[in-house]
């Protein structure tokens, strides 16, 4: 499972990149989405690499993201009681394992696909350089979990 976070705004952006970000549901700064790993999503991430950062997430990060920043329709928080009552899963950890392993979808259980995060504590490194150049943009690999934990 891949997590993508939008870092840069919409000023001066080309129309095709803006459309790609809309398809990824990354419409605003500090929004995050979880997606499965497939070639079409990878191509979209590569196209929007100058505005977002992404990488593979682990079970702990996904469960923190769902429990602390997950929203249901009506802007309600996701709770353990909701998950037990309305899904086949008994806890947030079990749901996050199902999302990572079996490809379950957040929309199927009623959770909104976009997570609205805070700006990261201590800020971004540099929003115009890639992660390899000690910036914030582009592919991060497993280090995306550290950024998301700073933003929750």
N, C-alpha and C. Protein backbone atom coordinates (compact mmCIF):
# COMPACT_ATOMS: atom_id res chain seq x y z
N UNK A 1 0.84 -1.18 0.00
CA UNK A 1 0.00 0.00 0.00
C UNK A 1 0.88 1.23 0.00
N UNK A 2 0.47 2.21 -0.78
CA UNK A 2 1.22 3.46 -0.94
C UNK A 2 0.42 4.60 -0.32
N UNK A 3 1.12 5.49 0.38
CA UNK A 3 0.52 6.72 0.87
C UNK A 3 1.14 7.88 0.11
N UNK A 4 0.30 8.82 -0.31
CA UNK A 4 0.77 10.02 -1.02
C UNK A 4 0.28 11.25 -0.27
N UNK A 5 1.15 12.25 -0.15
CA UNK A 5 0.83 13.49 0.55
C UNK A 5 1.14 14.65 -0.38
N UNK A 6 0.19 15.58 -0.48
CA UNK A 6 0.42 16.77 -1.31
C UNK A 6 1.19 17.80 -0.50
N UNK A 7 2.24 18.34 -1.10
CA UNK A 7 3.12 19.28 -0.41
C UNK A 7 3.00 20.69 -0.95
N UNK A 8 2.85 20.83 -2.26
CA UNK A 8 2.82 22.15 -2.87
C UNK A 8 1.41 22.51 -3.33
N UNK A 9 1.18 23.81 -3.46
CA UNK A 9 -0.14 24.33 -3.81
C UNK A 9 -0.42 24.30 -5.30
N UNK A 10 -1.40 25.09 -5.72
CA UNK A 10 -1.89 25.02 -7.10
C UNK A 10 -1.45 26.18 -7.98
N UNK A 11 -0.65 27.10 -7.49
CA UNK A 11 -0.23 28.25 -8.28
C UNK A 11 0.75 27.83 -9.36
N UNK A 12 0.47 28.22 -10.60
CA UNK A 12 1.38 27.97 -11.70
C UNK A 12 1.47 26.52 -12.15
N UNK A 13 0.48 25.72 -11.86
CA UNK A 13 0.51 24.29 -12.17
C UNK A 13 -0.09 24.06 -13.56
N UNK A 14 0.48 23.13 -14.31
CA UNK A 14 -0.05 22.79 -15.63
C UNK A 14 -1.37 22.05 -15.48
N UNK A 15 -2.24 22.21 -16.48
CA UNK A 15 -3.58 21.63 -16.40
C UNK A 15 -3.54 20.11 -16.28
N UNK A 16 -2.66 19.43 -17.03
CA UNK A 16 -2.65 17.97 -16.98
C UNK A 16 -2.15 17.45 -15.62
N UNK A 17 -1.24 18.19 -15.00
CA UNK A 17 -0.79 17.78 -13.66
C UNK A 17 -1.89 18.05 -12.64
N UNK A 18 -2.60 19.16 -12.79
CA UNK A 18 -3.72 19.46 -11.90
C UNK A 18 -4.80 18.39 -12.02
N UNK A 19 -5.07 17.93 -13.23
CA UNK A 19 -6.06 16.87 -13.43
C UNK A 19 -5.59 15.57 -12.78
N UNK A 20 -4.31 15.27 -12.88
CA UNK A 20 -3.76 14.06 -12.26
C UNK A 20 -3.90 14.14 -10.75
N UNK A 21 -3.62 15.28 -10.17
CA UNK A 21 -3.77 15.44 -8.72
C UNK A 21 -5.23 15.31 -8.31
N UNK A 22 -6.15 15.81 -9.13
CA UNK A 22 -7.57 15.65 -8.84
C UNK A 22 -7.99 14.18 -8.89
N UNK A 23 -7.44 13.43 -9.86
CA UNK A 23 -7.76 12.00 -9.94
C UNK A 23 -7.21 11.24 -8.75
N UNK A 24 -6.08 11.71 -8.21
CA UNK A 24 -5.52 11.09 -7.01
C UNK A 24 -6.23 11.55 -5.74
N UNK A 25 -7.17 12.49 -5.87
CA UNK A 25 -7.91 13.09 -4.76
C UNK A 25 -7.02 13.93 -3.84
N UNK A 26 -5.93 14.42 -4.38
CA UNK A 26 -5.03 15.30 -3.63
C UNK A 26 -5.29 16.74 -4.09
N UNK A 27 -6.35 17.34 -3.57
CA UNK A 27 -6.76 18.65 -4.06
C UNK A 27 -6.18 19.80 -3.24
N UNK A 28 -5.69 19.54 -2.05
CA UNK A 28 -5.17 20.61 -1.20
C UNK A 28 -3.87 20.19 -0.54
N UNK A 29 -3.13 21.19 -0.06
CA UNK A 29 -1.88 20.93 0.64
C UNK A 29 -2.18 20.17 1.93
N UNK A 30 -1.29 19.25 2.29
CA UNK A 30 -1.34 18.43 3.51
C UNK A 30 -2.48 17.43 3.49
N UNK A 31 -3.05 17.12 2.35
CA UNK A 31 -4.00 16.02 2.24
C UNK A 31 -3.22 14.76 1.89
N UNK A 32 -3.67 13.63 2.43
CA UNK A 32 -3.02 12.35 2.17
C UNK A 32 -4.06 11.34 1.69
N UNK A 33 -3.63 10.41 0.85
CA UNK A 33 -4.49 9.32 0.40
C UNK A 33 -3.71 8.02 0.48
N UNK A 34 -4.46 6.93 0.67
CA UNK A 34 -3.88 5.58 0.62
C UNK A 34 -4.35 4.93 -0.67
N UNK A 35 -3.45 4.26 -1.38
CA UNK A 35 -3.81 3.62 -2.63
C UNK A 35 -3.05 2.32 -2.78
N UNK A 36 -3.60 1.46 -3.61
CA UNK A 36 -2.92 0.20 -3.88
C UNK A 36 -1.78 0.45 -4.86
N UNK A 37 -0.86 -0.50 -4.88
CA UNK A 37 0.32 -0.34 -5.73
C UNK A 37 0.06 -1.01 -7.08
N UNK A 38 -0.18 -0.21 -8.12
CA UNK A 38 -0.35 -0.74 -9.46
C UNK A 38 0.24 0.23 -10.48
N UNK A 39 0.49 -0.21 -11.71
CA UNK A 39 1.19 0.63 -12.68
C UNK A 39 0.48 1.95 -13.00
N UNK A 40 -0.84 1.97 -13.02
CA UNK A 40 -1.52 3.23 -13.36
C UNK A 40 -1.33 4.27 -12.26
N UNK A 41 -1.43 3.86 -10.99
CA UNK A 41 -1.18 4.80 -9.90
C UNK A 41 0.29 5.24 -9.88
N UNK A 42 1.21 4.33 -10.16
CA UNK A 42 2.62 4.69 -10.17
C UNK A 42 2.90 5.73 -11.25
N UNK A 43 2.27 5.59 -12.41
CA UNK A 43 2.44 6.58 -13.47
C UNK A 43 1.88 7.94 -13.07
N UNK A 44 0.74 7.94 -12.39
CA UNK A 44 0.14 9.19 -11.93
C UNK A 44 1.03 9.85 -10.89
N UNK A 45 1.60 9.05 -9.98
CA UNK A 45 2.49 9.61 -8.96
C UNK A 45 3.73 10.21 -9.61
N UNK A 46 4.26 9.52 -10.60
CA UNK A 46 5.45 10.00 -11.29
C UNK A 46 5.16 11.31 -12.03
N UNK A 47 3.97 11.43 -12.58
CA UNK A 47 3.59 12.65 -13.31
C UNK A 47 3.48 13.84 -12.36
N UNK A 48 3.00 13.61 -11.15
CA UNK A 48 2.78 14.69 -10.18
C UNK A 48 3.91 14.80 -9.17
N UNK A 49 5.08 14.26 -9.47
CA UNK A 49 6.17 14.16 -8.51
C UNK A 49 6.68 15.51 -8.01
N UNK A 50 6.44 16.59 -8.74
CA UNK A 50 6.91 17.90 -8.32
C UNK A 50 5.97 18.58 -7.32
N UNK A 51 4.88 17.91 -6.96
CA UNK A 51 3.91 18.51 -6.04
C UNK A 51 3.58 17.60 -4.85
N UNK A 52 4.01 16.34 -4.90
CA UNK A 52 3.63 15.38 -3.86
C UNK A 52 4.85 14.58 -3.41
N UNK A 53 4.68 13.85 -2.33
CA UNK A 53 5.64 12.86 -1.89
C UNK A 53 4.88 11.58 -1.60
N UNK A 54 5.54 10.42 -1.79
CA UNK A 54 4.85 9.15 -1.58
C UNK A 54 5.84 8.07 -1.18
N UNK A 55 5.28 6.97 -0.66
CA UNK A 55 6.09 5.82 -0.28
C UNK A 55 5.21 4.72 0.29
N UNK A 56 5.85 3.60 0.64
CA UNK A 56 5.12 2.46 1.18
C UNK A 56 4.92 2.66 2.68
N UNK A 57 3.70 2.38 3.14
CA UNK A 57 3.38 2.54 4.56
C UNK A 57 3.26 1.18 5.23
N UNK A 58 3.49 1.19 6.55
CA UNK A 58 3.36 -0.03 7.34
C UNK A 58 2.04 -0.04 8.07
N UNK A 59 1.75 -1.14 8.75
CA UNK A 59 0.47 -1.33 9.43
C UNK A 59 0.26 -0.31 10.54
N UNK A 60 1.31 -0.01 11.27
CA UNK A 60 1.20 0.93 12.40
C UNK A 60 0.81 2.33 11.93
N UNK A 61 1.42 2.79 10.85
CA UNK A 61 1.11 4.12 10.31
C UNK A 61 -0.32 4.19 9.79
N UNK A 62 -0.75 3.13 9.09
CA UNK A 62 -2.11 3.10 8.55
C UNK A 62 -3.14 3.11 9.68
N UNK A 63 -2.89 2.34 10.74
CA UNK A 63 -3.85 2.30 11.84
C UNK A 63 -3.90 3.64 12.58
N UNK A 64 -2.75 4.31 12.74
CA UNK A 64 -2.75 5.64 13.36
C UNK A 64 -3.50 6.64 12.49
N UNK A 65 -3.28 6.56 11.19
CA UNK A 65 -3.93 7.49 10.26
C UNK A 65 -5.45 7.32 10.30
N UNK A 66 -5.92 6.07 10.31
CA UNK A 66 -7.37 5.83 10.32
C UNK A 66 -7.98 6.24 11.66
N UNK A 67 -7.34 5.87 12.76
CA UNK A 67 -7.95 6.14 14.07
C UNK A 67 -7.90 7.62 14.45
N UNK A 68 -6.83 8.33 14.08
CA UNK A 68 -6.71 9.72 14.51
C UNK A 68 -7.24 10.73 13.49
N UNK A 69 -7.11 10.45 12.19
CA UNK A 69 -7.50 11.42 11.19
C UNK A 69 -8.58 10.92 10.23
N UNK A 70 -9.03 9.68 10.40
CA UNK A 70 -10.06 9.14 9.52
C UNK A 70 -11.42 9.75 9.81
N UNK A 71 -12.19 10.03 8.76
CA UNK A 71 -13.52 10.63 8.91
C UNK A 71 -14.55 9.80 8.16
N UNK A 72 -15.75 9.76 8.73
CA UNK A 72 -16.90 9.13 8.09
C UNK A 72 -17.73 10.22 7.43
N UNK A 73 -18.73 9.84 6.66
CA UNK A 73 -19.61 10.85 6.09
C UNK A 73 -20.34 11.55 7.23
N UNK A 74 -20.55 12.84 7.07
CA UNK A 74 -21.08 13.64 8.15
C UNK A 74 -19.98 14.18 9.03
N UNK A 75 -18.72 14.00 8.61
CA UNK A 75 -17.54 14.50 9.31
C UNK A 75 -17.39 13.93 10.72
N UNK A 76 -17.79 12.67 10.89
CA UNK A 76 -17.65 12.00 12.18
C UNK A 76 -16.34 11.24 12.22
N UNK A 77 -15.78 11.07 13.43
CA UNK A 77 -14.53 10.34 13.57
C UNK A 77 -14.76 8.84 13.46
N UNK A 78 -13.73 8.13 12.99
CA UNK A 78 -13.77 6.67 12.95
C UNK A 78 -13.44 6.16 14.34
N UNK A 79 -14.32 5.31 14.90
CA UNK A 79 -14.10 4.76 16.23
C UNK A 79 -14.04 3.24 16.16
N UNK A 80 -13.53 2.65 17.23
CA UNK A 80 -13.48 1.19 17.32
C UNK A 80 -14.89 0.61 17.27
N UNK A 81 -15.85 1.28 17.93
CA UNK A 81 -17.24 0.80 17.94
C UNK A 81 -17.83 0.79 16.54
N UNK A 82 -17.54 1.83 15.75
CA UNK A 82 -18.04 1.87 14.37
C UNK A 82 -17.47 0.71 13.57
N UNK A 83 -16.19 0.46 13.72
CA UNK A 83 -15.55 -0.61 12.95
C UNK A 83 -16.10 -1.97 13.36
N UNK A 84 -16.30 -2.19 14.66
CA UNK A 84 -16.87 -3.47 15.12
C UNK A 84 -18.29 -3.65 14.63
N UNK A 85 -19.08 -2.59 14.64
CA UNK A 85 -20.49 -2.70 14.30
C UNK A 85 -20.80 -2.73 12.82
N UNK A 86 -20.02 -2.03 12.01
CA UNK A 86 -20.38 -1.85 10.61
C UNK A 86 -19.46 -2.56 9.62
N UNK A 87 -18.43 -3.24 10.09
CA UNK A 87 -17.51 -3.93 9.19
C UNK A 87 -17.30 -5.36 9.67
N UNK A 88 -16.53 -6.11 8.90
CA UNK A 88 -16.19 -7.47 9.27
C UNK A 88 -14.97 -7.53 10.19
N UNK A 89 -14.41 -6.39 10.53
CA UNK A 89 -13.17 -6.33 11.30
C UNK A 89 -13.48 -5.96 12.74
N UNK A 90 -12.63 -6.43 13.67
CA UNK A 90 -12.90 -6.20 15.09
C UNK A 90 -12.13 -5.00 15.65
N UNK A 91 -11.13 -4.50 14.93
CA UNK A 91 -10.35 -3.37 15.43
C UNK A 91 -9.73 -2.60 14.27
N UNK A 92 -9.16 -1.44 14.59
CA UNK A 92 -8.50 -0.62 13.58
C UNK A 92 -7.26 -1.34 13.05
N UNK A 93 -6.54 -2.04 13.94
CA UNK A 93 -5.35 -2.77 13.52
C UNK A 93 -5.69 -3.87 12.52
N UNK A 94 -6.79 -4.58 12.78
CA UNK A 94 -7.21 -5.63 11.85
C UNK A 94 -7.63 -5.04 10.51
N UNK A 95 -8.30 -3.89 10.55
CA UNK A 95 -8.67 -3.20 9.31
C UNK A 95 -7.44 -2.76 8.54
N UNK A 96 -6.44 -2.22 9.22
CA UNK A 96 -5.23 -1.77 8.53
C UNK A 96 -4.47 -2.95 7.93
N UNK A 97 -4.47 -4.09 8.59
CA UNK A 97 -3.84 -5.28 8.01
C UNK A 97 -4.59 -5.71 6.75
N UNK A 98 -5.92 -5.65 6.78
CA UNK A 98 -6.71 -6.02 5.61
C UNK A 98 -6.46 -5.05 4.45
N UNK A 99 -6.30 -3.76 4.76
CA UNK A 99 -6.02 -2.78 3.71
C UNK A 99 -4.68 -3.06 3.06
N UNK A 100 -3.68 -3.40 3.85
CA UNK A 100 -2.35 -3.63 3.32
C UNK A 100 -2.26 -4.97 2.60
N UNK A 101 -2.80 -6.04 3.19
CA UNK A 101 -2.61 -7.39 2.65
C UNK A 101 -3.60 -7.75 1.56
N UNK A 102 -4.89 -7.64 1.85
CA UNK A 102 -5.88 -8.19 0.93
C UNK A 102 -6.46 -7.17 -0.04
N UNK A 103 -6.08 -5.90 0.07
CA UNK A 103 -6.57 -4.91 -0.87
C UNK A 103 -7.98 -4.43 -0.59
N UNK A 104 -8.42 -4.46 0.67
CA UNK A 104 -9.72 -3.89 1.02
C UNK A 104 -9.67 -2.38 0.77
N UNK A 105 -10.83 -1.77 0.58
CA UNK A 105 -10.87 -0.34 0.27
C UNK A 105 -11.57 0.42 1.39
N UNK A 106 -11.08 1.64 1.64
CA UNK A 106 -11.67 2.48 2.68
C UNK A 106 -13.11 2.86 2.33
N UNK A 107 -13.38 3.09 1.05
CA UNK A 107 -14.72 3.51 0.63
C UNK A 107 -15.76 2.44 0.92
N UNK A 108 -15.35 1.16 0.88
CA UNK A 108 -16.29 0.06 1.12
C UNK A 108 -16.81 0.04 2.55
N UNK A 109 -16.02 0.55 3.49
CA UNK A 109 -16.46 0.55 4.90
C UNK A 109 -16.98 1.91 5.34
N UNK A 110 -17.02 2.87 4.42
CA UNK A 110 -17.62 4.17 4.74
C UNK A 110 -16.64 5.24 5.19
N UNK A 111 -15.34 4.97 5.14
CA UNK A 111 -14.34 5.96 5.54
C UNK A 111 -13.98 6.81 4.33
N UNK A 112 -13.89 8.12 4.51
CA UNK A 112 -13.51 9.00 3.41
C UNK A 112 -12.09 8.68 2.96
N UNK A 113 -11.81 8.72 1.65
CA UNK A 113 -10.49 8.31 1.16
C UNK A 113 -9.39 9.34 1.39
N UNK A 114 -9.74 10.57 1.72
CA UNK A 114 -8.75 11.63 1.92
C UNK A 114 -8.60 11.90 3.41
N UNK A 115 -7.35 11.99 3.85
CA UNK A 115 -7.05 12.32 5.24
C UNK A 115 -6.49 13.73 5.28
N UNK A 116 -7.14 14.60 6.06
CA UNK A 116 -6.68 15.98 6.19
C UNK A 116 -5.69 16.03 7.34
N UNK A 117 -4.44 16.33 7.04
CA UNK A 117 -3.38 16.32 8.03
C UNK A 117 -2.94 17.73 8.39
N UNK A 118 -2.25 17.84 9.53
CA UNK A 118 -1.63 19.09 9.92
C UNK A 118 -0.33 19.27 9.14
N UNK A 119 0.19 20.50 9.05
CA UNK A 119 1.55 20.64 8.52
C UNK A 119 2.51 19.89 9.44
N UNK A 120 3.62 19.39 8.92
CA UNK A 120 4.51 18.59 9.77
C UNK A 120 5.18 19.44 10.84
N UNK A 121 5.36 18.85 12.02
CA UNK A 121 6.10 19.53 13.08
C UNK A 121 7.52 19.77 12.59
N UNK A 122 8.06 20.95 12.84
CA UNK A 122 9.36 21.42 12.38
C UNK A 122 9.38 21.70 10.87
N UNK A 123 8.24 21.58 10.20
CA UNK A 123 8.11 21.98 8.81
C UNK A 123 8.70 20.99 7.81
N UNK A 124 8.48 21.29 6.54
CA UNK A 124 9.07 20.50 5.46
C UNK A 124 10.54 20.89 5.32
N UNK A 125 11.34 19.99 4.74
CA UNK A 125 12.75 20.31 4.54
C UNK A 125 12.90 21.39 3.47
N UNK A 126 12.46 21.09 2.24
CA UNK A 126 12.50 22.05 1.15
C UNK A 126 11.45 21.59 0.15
N UNK A 127 10.50 22.45 -0.18
CA UNK A 127 9.39 22.00 -1.03
C UNK A 127 9.70 22.12 -2.51
N UNK A 128 10.94 22.44 -2.88
CA UNK A 128 11.29 22.52 -4.28
C UNK A 128 12.37 21.51 -4.66
N UNK A 129 12.84 20.72 -3.70
CA UNK A 129 13.86 19.71 -3.98
C UNK A 129 13.30 18.33 -3.69
N UNK A 130 13.88 17.33 -4.34
CA UNK A 130 13.44 15.96 -4.11
C UNK A 130 13.96 15.44 -2.77
N UNK A 131 13.42 14.32 -2.36
CA UNK A 131 13.82 13.73 -1.08
C UNK A 131 15.28 13.32 -1.11
N UNK A 132 15.77 12.86 -2.25
CA UNK A 132 17.17 12.46 -2.37
C UNK A 132 18.11 13.64 -2.29
N UNK A 133 17.63 14.82 -2.65
CA UNK A 133 18.44 16.05 -2.57
C UNK A 133 18.22 16.76 -1.24
N UNK A 134 17.79 16.03 -0.23
CA UNK A 134 17.46 16.53 1.11
C UNK A 134 16.30 17.52 1.09
N UNK A 135 15.33 17.28 0.21
CA UNK A 135 14.11 18.08 0.17
C UNK A 135 12.93 17.25 0.64
N UNK A 136 11.74 17.57 0.14
CA UNK A 136 10.53 16.87 0.58
C UNK A 136 9.77 16.17 -0.53
N UNK A 137 10.05 16.47 -1.78
CA UNK A 137 9.23 15.96 -2.88
C UNK A 137 9.67 14.58 -3.34
N UNK A 138 8.76 13.90 -4.06
CA UNK A 138 9.09 12.65 -4.72
C UNK A 138 8.99 11.41 -3.85
N UNK A 139 9.63 10.35 -4.32
CA UNK A 139 9.54 9.04 -3.69
C UNK A 139 10.39 8.99 -2.43
N UNK A 140 9.81 8.49 -1.32
CA UNK A 140 10.51 8.39 -0.05
C UNK A 140 10.75 6.97 0.41
N UNK A 141 10.04 6.02 -0.17
CA UNK A 141 10.16 4.65 0.31
C UNK A 141 9.48 4.50 1.67
N UNK A 142 10.16 3.85 2.61
CA UNK A 142 9.58 3.62 3.93
C UNK A 142 9.58 4.86 4.81
N UNK A 143 10.29 5.91 4.43
CA UNK A 143 10.37 7.12 5.25
C UNK A 143 9.10 7.96 5.22
N UNK A 144 8.12 7.58 4.41
CA UNK A 144 6.86 8.31 4.38
C UNK A 144 6.14 8.20 5.72
N UNK A 145 6.35 7.09 6.41
CA UNK A 145 5.73 6.89 7.74
C UNK A 145 6.19 7.94 8.74
N UNK A 146 7.48 8.32 8.69
CA UNK A 146 7.98 9.34 9.59
C UNK A 146 7.32 10.68 9.33
N UNK A 147 7.15 11.03 8.06
CA UNK A 147 6.48 12.30 7.72
C UNK A 147 5.04 12.30 8.17
N UNK A 148 4.33 11.19 7.92
CA UNK A 148 2.92 11.13 8.30
C UNK A 148 2.77 11.21 9.82
N UNK A 149 3.66 10.58 10.57
CA UNK A 149 3.58 10.66 12.03
C UNK A 149 3.83 12.08 12.53
N UNK A 150 4.67 12.84 11.82
CA UNK A 150 4.88 14.24 12.18
C UNK A 150 3.66 15.10 11.85
N UNK A 151 2.79 14.61 10.94
CA UNK A 151 1.65 15.40 10.49
C UNK A 151 0.33 15.03 11.17
N UNK A 152 0.28 13.91 11.88
CA UNK A 152 -0.98 13.46 12.49
C UNK A 152 -1.37 14.33 13.65
